[in-house]
């Protein structure tokens, strides 16, 4: 990952420069990946019964 790409991801997440002092690069990457998952539409969602079986 390049510095410009990292900073672009920070902007997309709405992070400020002050936020960067409190967060690690890995955490920011995880936050970005999870934010992309929010847009995913799942065909089937787990129910409480599924969680109980797990």
Protein backbone atom coordinates (compact mmCIF):
# COMPACT_ATOMS: atom_id res chain seq x y z
CA UNK A 1 0.00 0.00 0.00
CA UNK A 2 1.27 3.44 -0.85
CA UNK A 3 0.98 6.52 1.32
CA UNK A 4 -1.48 8.24 -1.05
CA UNK A 5 -3.71 5.15 -1.03
CA UNK A 6 -3.59 4.96 2.75
CA UNK A 7 -4.50 8.63 3.07
CA UNK A 8 -7.32 8.21 0.54
CA UNK A 9 -8.77 5.41 2.66
CA UNK A 10 -8.54 7.66 5.73
CA UNK A 11 -10.46 10.40 3.92
CA UNK A 12 -13.08 7.89 2.76
CA UNK A 13 -13.56 6.82 6.38
CA UNK A 14 -13.81 10.45 7.51
CA UNK A 15 -10.73 10.28 9.75
CA UNK A 16 -8.90 13.44 10.75
CA UNK A 17 -5.16 13.84 11.17
CA UNK A 18 -5.71 13.81 14.95
CA UNK A 19 -7.48 10.44 14.60
CA UNK A 20 -4.40 9.00 12.91
CA UNK A 21 -2.36 9.50 16.07
CA UNK A 22 -4.75 7.24 17.97
CA UNK A 23 -5.19 4.45 15.39
CA UNK A 24 -2.78 1.92 13.91
CA UNK A 25 -2.40 1.33 10.18
CA UNK A 26 -3.79 -2.18 10.62
CA UNK A 27 -6.87 -0.94 12.45
CA UNK A 28 -7.55 1.63 9.73
CA UNK A 29 -7.21 -1.07 7.06
CA UNK A 30 -9.67 -3.26 8.99
CA UNK A 31 -12.09 -0.36 9.34
CA UNK A 32 -11.93 0.26 5.60
CA UNK A 33 -12.52 -3.41 4.78
CA UNK A 34 -15.51 -3.53 7.12
CA UNK A 35 -16.93 -0.35 5.63
CA UNK A 36 -16.92 -2.03 2.21
CA UNK A 37 -18.74 -5.04 3.71
CA UNK A 38 -21.55 -2.71 4.82
CA UNK A 39 -22.50 -2.25 1.15
CA UNK A 40 -22.73 -6.01 0.51
CA UNK A 41 -26.23 -7.45 0.19
CA UNK A 42 -26.41 -10.98 1.57
CA UNK A 43 -28.87 -13.48 0.09
CA UNK A 44 -29.43 -15.16 3.45
CA UNK A 45 -28.92 -13.78 6.94
CA UNK A 46 -28.39 -15.88 10.05
CA UNK A 47 -31.27 -16.22 12.48
CA UNK A 48 -31.13 -16.68 16.24
CA UNK A 49 -31.62 -20.41 15.68
CA UNK A 50 -28.52 -20.48 13.47
CA UNK A 51 -26.49 -18.77 16.19
CA UNK A 52 -27.79 -21.20 18.79
CA UNK A 53 -26.69 -24.14 16.61
CA UNK A 54 -23.26 -22.58 16.18
